[in-house]
Amino acid sequence: MSEPFVLTERPSVYLASKSPRRQELLRQLGIEFTELLLREAPGRERDIVEAPRKDEPPLEYVKRVARV
């Protein structure tokens, strides 16, 4: 039988969302996070239109809007 998995370091992630619910879920799980809101940096224009394009396949939409 294998040994149980044990984390030796606290996990940390970048959260690219302003969602209070996502922040609360991460806190409940004990996951440290840093908000990464590049598209809202002062003086920066939006670099992408997040509305789906006509007939855009879901996978292509995700690839287009998820880039940093």
Protein backbone atom coordinates (compact mmCIF):
# COMPACT_ATOMS: atom_id res chain seq x y z
CA MET A 1 0.00 0.00 0.00
CA SER A 2 1.33 3.46 -0.84
CA GLU A 3 2.03 6.18 1.69
CA PRO A 4 -0.58 8.95 2.12
CA PHE A 5 0.05 12.16 0.21
CA VAL A 6 1.10 15.02 2.49
CA LEU A 7 1.72 18.60 1.40
CA THR A 8 4.94 19.98 2.83
CA GLU A 9 4.34 23.53 1.60
CA ARG A 10 1.19 25.63 1.50
CA PRO A 11 -0.09 25.88 -2.06
CA SER A 12 -0.18 29.30 -3.70
CA VAL A 13 -1.90 30.36 -6.91
CA TYR A 14 -2.52 33.45 -9.00
CA LEU A 15 -6.19 34.38 -9.05
CA ALA A 16 -7.12 36.22 -12.24
CA SER A 17 -10.61 37.00 -11.01
CA LYS A 18 -12.35 39.55 -8.82
CA SER A 19 -14.91 36.98 -7.68
CA PRO A 20 -15.45 37.16 -3.91
CA ARG A 21 -16.76 33.58 -3.98
CA ARG A 22 -13.55 32.24 -5.57
CA GLN A 23 -11.48 34.10 -3.00
CA GLU A 24 -13.56 32.64 -0.17
CA LEU A 25 -13.26 29.10 -1.57
CA LEU A 26 -9.48 29.42 -1.75
CA ARG A 27 -9.36 30.73 1.82
CA GLN A 28 -11.51 27.82 3.03
CA LEU A 29 -9.09 25.40 1.37
CA GLY A 30 -6.10 27.14 2.95
CA ILE A 31 -4.68 28.16 -0.43
CA GLU A 32 -2.80 31.44 -0.53
CA PHE A 33 -3.47 33.53 -3.61
CA THR A 34 -2.31 36.68 -5.32
CA GLU A 35 -4.79 38.63 -7.43
CA LEU A 36 -3.51 39.00 -10.96
CA LEU A 37 -5.66 41.57 -12.74
CA LEU A 38 -3.44 42.65 -15.61
CA ARG A 39 -6.32 43.81 -17.77
CA GLU A 40 -7.29 46.36 -15.14
CA ALA A 41 -3.90 47.88 -14.43
CA PRO A 42 -3.98 51.69 -14.23
CA GLY A 43 -3.54 53.31 -17.64
CA ARG A 44 -3.94 50.03 -19.49
CA GLU A 45 -6.59 49.55 -22.13
CA ARG A 46 -8.48 46.28 -22.30
CA ASP A 47 -6.37 44.02 -24.44
CA ILE A 48 -9.09 41.63 -25.50
CA VAL A 49 -12.81 41.56 -26.13
CA GLU A 50 -14.28 38.79 -24.00
CA ALA A 51 -17.56 38.49 -25.87
CA PRO A 52 -17.71 35.32 -27.98
CA ARG A 53 -17.35 35.86 -31.71
CA LYS A 54 -20.06 34.63 -34.03
CA ASP A 55 -19.67 30.87 -34.62
CA GLU A 56 -16.51 30.76 -32.46
CA PRO A 57 -15.94 27.22 -31.13
CA PRO A 58 -15.73 27.04 -27.31
CA LEU A 59 -12.12 25.82 -27.32
CA GLU A 60 -11.01 28.71 -29.55
CA TYR A 61 -12.87 31.18 -27.32
CA VAL A 62 -11.10 29.89 -24.21
CA LYS A 63 -7.69 30.01 -25.89
CA ARG A 64 -8.32 33.59 -27.02
CA VAL A 65 -9.56 35.07 -23.74
CA ALA A 66 -7.32 33.08 -21.37
CA ARG A 67 -4.03 34.35 -22.70
CA VAL A 68 -2.05 36.76 -20.51
